[in-house]
Amino acid sequence: MIRATLDAISLWAIPVLLVGIPLIGMMRRIKVYDVFIEGAKEGFQVAVRIIPFLVGILVAIGMFRASGAMDMLTNALRPMLSATRFPPEIFPLVILRTLSGSGSLALTTDIVKQFGPDSFIGRTAATIYGGSETTFYVLAVYFGAVGVKRTRHAIPSALVGDLVAAIVAVTVCTWMFA
């Protein structure tokens, strides 16, 4: 019953929104196309403003991975991670996920190919990928787009959220799959 309802909602949600929003706008006598074009122009200007921030974060990610720093960090923390039952194989994903969505997707794909989609490590990697955010990317893009220079507590609180997401992912996957 619930699954059938959710299937129906997911099937009709996008078509209803695509028809409903312009229809409501027209009923309120809003020039929907003109407003859409104005928003598209503004979106393009935002995209141009964030390009330098995107280039900077992508270069930093490339340097971090190519330098071998990730492997050295993982090997240094391997004894501590193993003692806490945190799989060392997914530690690079936890770090990379805070930096890059596409990089972390590639790493998650590699982990799933190496260990299998039904393995504990594969499921944990997928859970971490789906349950955390690309913190530095988001902060660089959105704060950069609006000109925020002092991030204050945003970075520490976002990193705590990412750490909690990783710990909860390992805990839940251990509880459900190990």
Protein backbone atom coordinates (compact mmCIF):
# COMPACT_ATOMS: atom_id res chain seq x y z
CA MET A 1 0.00 0.00 0.00
CA ILE A 2 2.67 2.52 1.04
CA ARG A 3 5.04 1.40 -1.71
CA ALA A 4 2.32 1.73 -4.35
CA THR A 5 1.56 5.26 -3.10
CA LEU A 6 5.23 6.24 -3.20
CA ASP A 7 5.59 4.76 -6.70
CA ALA A 8 2.61 6.80 -7.90
CA ILE A 9 3.96 9.99 -6.31
CA SER A 10 7.41 9.48 -7.83
CA LEU A 11 5.89 8.77 -11.24
CA TRP A 12 3.75 11.92 -11.29
CA ALA A 13 5.81 14.42 -9.25
CA ILE A 14 7.92 15.88 -12.08
CA PRO A 15 5.14 16.08 -14.71
CA VAL A 16 2.81 17.77 -12.20
CA LEU A 17 5.51 20.31 -11.28
CA LEU A 18 6.37 20.99 -14.93
CA VAL A 19 2.75 21.69 -15.77
CA GLY A 20 1.57 23.05 -12.42
CA ILE A 21 4.12 25.82 -11.83
CA PRO A 22 3.60 27.55 -15.21
CA LEU A 23 -0.16 27.05 -14.92
CA ILE A 24 -0.29 28.71 -11.49
CA GLY A 25 1.89 31.54 -12.81
CA MET A 26 -0.42 32.09 -15.77
CA MET A 27 -3.48 32.05 -13.48
CA ARG A 28 -1.82 34.80 -11.42
CA ARG A 29 -1.18 36.75 -14.65
CA ILE A 30 2.60 36.41 -14.42
CA LYS A 31 4.54 36.45 -17.66
CA VAL A 32 6.03 33.00 -17.04
CA TYR A 33 8.38 32.93 -20.04
CA ASP A 34 9.80 36.40 -19.31
CA VAL A 35 10.42 35.49 -15.67
CA PHE A 36 12.05 32.23 -16.77
CA ILE A 37 14.40 34.07 -19.17
CA GLU A 38 15.28 36.61 -16.47
CA GLY A 39 16.15 33.77 -14.08
CA ALA A 40 18.23 32.03 -16.75
CA LYS A 41 20.24 35.24 -17.33
CA GLU A 42 20.86 35.57 -13.60
CA GLY A 43 21.90 31.90 -13.39
CA PHE A 44 24.39 32.40 -16.20
CA GLN A 45 25.93 35.40 -14.40
CA VAL A 46 26.28 33.33 -11.23
CA ALA A 47 27.95 30.54 -13.21
CA VAL A 48 30.49 32.99 -14.62
CA ARG A 49 31.24 34.35 -11.12
CA ILE A 50 31.90 30.88 -9.63
CA ILE A 51 34.22 29.56 -12.37
CA PRO A 52 37.43 30.75 -10.62
CA PHE A 53 36.36 29.00 -7.40
CA LEU A 54 35.60 25.79 -9.29
CA VAL A 55 38.97 25.83 -11.02
CA GLY A 56 40.75 26.42 -7.71
CA ILE A 57 39.07 23.54 -5.90
CA LEU A 58 39.57 21.14 -8.83
CA VAL A 59 43.29 21.98 -9.05
CA ALA A 60 43.68 21.45 -5.29
CA ILE A 61 41.96 18.06 -5.50
CA GLY A 62 44.12 16.99 -8.41
CA MET A 63 47.31 17.97 -6.58
CA PHE A 64 46.24 16.16 -3.39
CA ARG A 65 45.48 12.91 -5.19
CA ALA A 66 48.45 13.00 -7.59
CA SER A 67 50.98 13.73 -4.86
CA GLY A 68 50.29 10.46 -3.06
CA ALA A 69 49.34 12.34 0.11
CA MET A 70 46.07 10.39 0.39
CA ASP A 71 47.86 7.03 0.39
CA MET A 72 50.38 8.24 2.98
CA LEU A 73 47.61 9.56 5.23
CA THR A 74 45.58 6.34 4.94
CA ASN A 75 48.61 4.17 5.73
CA ALA A 76 49.50 6.34 8.74
CA LEU A 77 45.95 6.07 10.13
CA ARG A 78 45.40 2.39 9.26
CA PRO A 79 46.16 1.03 12.78
CA MET A 80 43.83 3.53 14.46
CA LEU A 81 41.06 2.98 11.89
CA SER A 82 41.29 -0.80 12.23
CA ALA A 83 41.16 -0.53 16.04
CA THR A 84 37.91 1.45 15.81
CA ARG A 85 36.43 -1.01 13.25
CA PHE A 86 36.36 1.74 10.62
CA PRO A 87 37.36 0.12 7.30
CA PRO A 88 40.62 1.79 6.16
CA GLU A 89 39.64 1.07 2.55
CA ILE A 90 36.89 3.71 2.69
CA PHE A 91 38.86 6.40 4.54
CA PRO A 92 40.01 8.04 1.26
CA LEU A 93 36.34 8.29 0.27
CA VAL A 94 35.50 10.12 3.50
CA ILE A 95 38.21 12.68 2.76
CA LEU A 96 37.54 13.01 -0.97
CA ARG A 97 33.78 13.30 -0.48
CA THR A 98 34.28 16.63 1.33
CA LEU A 99 36.16 17.95 -1.70
CA SER A 100 34.59 16.65 -4.90
CA GLY A 101 31.38 14.99 -5.98
CA SER A 102 32.74 13.59 -9.23
CA GLY A 103 36.02 12.48 -7.63
CA SER A 104 34.20 10.75 -4.80
CA LEU A 105 31.81 9.10 -7.26
CA ALA A 106 34.78 7.73 -9.19
CA LEU A 107 36.35 6.46 -5.98
CA THR A 108 33.05 4.91 -4.83
CA THR A 109 32.75 3.19 -8.20
CA ASP A 110 36.30 1.83 -7.86
CA ILE A 111 35.57 0.56 -4.33
CA VAL A 112 32.37 -1.15 -5.49
CA LYS A 113 34.19 -2.73 -8.45
CA GLN A 114 37.03 -3.93 -6.21
CA PHE A 115 34.99 -5.29 -3.30
CA GLY A 116 31.60 -5.91 -4.93
CA PRO A 117 28.27 -4.11 -4.55
CA ASP A 118 26.97 -6.53 -1.91
CA SER A 119 30.11 -6.47 0.23
CA PHE A 120 30.22 -4.66 3.54
CA ILE A 121 32.81 -2.20 2.20
CA GLY A 122 30.84 -1.60 -1.03
CA ARG A 123 27.62 -0.92 0.85
CA THR A 124 29.38 1.31 3.37
CA ALA A 125 31.06 3.28 0.59
CA ALA A 126 27.71 3.78 -1.15
CA THR A 127 26.11 4.86 2.13
CA ILE A 128 28.88 7.38 2.80
CA TYR A 129 28.61 8.71 -0.74
CA GLY A 130 24.85 9.18 -0.43
CA GLY A 131 24.85 10.45 3.15
CA SER A 132 27.49 13.17 3.07
CA GLU A 133 28.17 16.40 1.23
CA THR A 134 30.94 17.93 -0.85
CA THR A 135 31.62 20.47 1.88
CA PHE A 136 34.54 22.44 0.48
CA TYR A 137 33.09 22.47 -3.02
CA VAL A 138 29.76 23.80 -1.76
CA LEU A 139 31.39 26.39 0.46
CA ALA A 140 33.76 27.56 -2.29
CA VAL A 141 31.02 27.79 -4.90
CA TYR A 142 28.17 29.27 -2.88
CA PHE A 143 30.15 31.47 -0.54
CA GLY A 144 32.32 32.57 -3.47
CA ALA A 145 29.26 33.36 -5.59
CA VAL A 146 27.83 35.73 -3.01
CA GLY A 147 31.18 37.16 -1.89
CA VAL A 148 31.40 35.72 1.64
CA LYS A 149 34.99 36.12 2.85
CA ARG A 150 34.68 34.99 6.48
CA THR A 151 33.11 31.56 6.75
CA ARG A 152 33.23 31.65 10.56
CA HIS A 153 31.68 28.44 11.89
CA ALA A 154 30.47 27.06 8.56
CA ILE A 155 33.56 24.95 7.81
CA PRO A 156 33.99 23.36 11.27
CA SER A 157 30.29 22.57 11.62
CA ALA A 158 30.11 21.14 8.08
CA LEU A 159 33.17 18.95 8.73
CA VAL A 160 31.64 17.70 11.98
CA GLY A 161 28.52 16.82 9.98
CA ASP A 162 30.65 14.91 7.46
CA LEU A 163 32.46 13.04 10.25
CA VAL A 164 29.17 12.12 11.92
CA ALA A 165 27.79 10.95 8.55
CA ALA A 166 30.80 8.65 8.06
CA ILE A 167 30.59 7.23 11.59
CA VAL A 168 26.84 6.66 11.31
CA ALA A 169 27.24 5.05 7.88
CA VAL A 170 29.81 2.57 9.21
CA THR A 171 27.72 1.92 12.34
CA VAL A 172 24.46 1.34 10.44
CA CYS A 173 26.15 -0.80 7.78
CA THR A 174 27.88 -2.84 10.49
CA TRP A 175 24.55 -3.32 12.24
CA MET A 176 22.67 -4.24 9.06
CA PHE A 177 25.21 -6.06 6.90
CA ALA A 178 28.15 -7.35 8.94
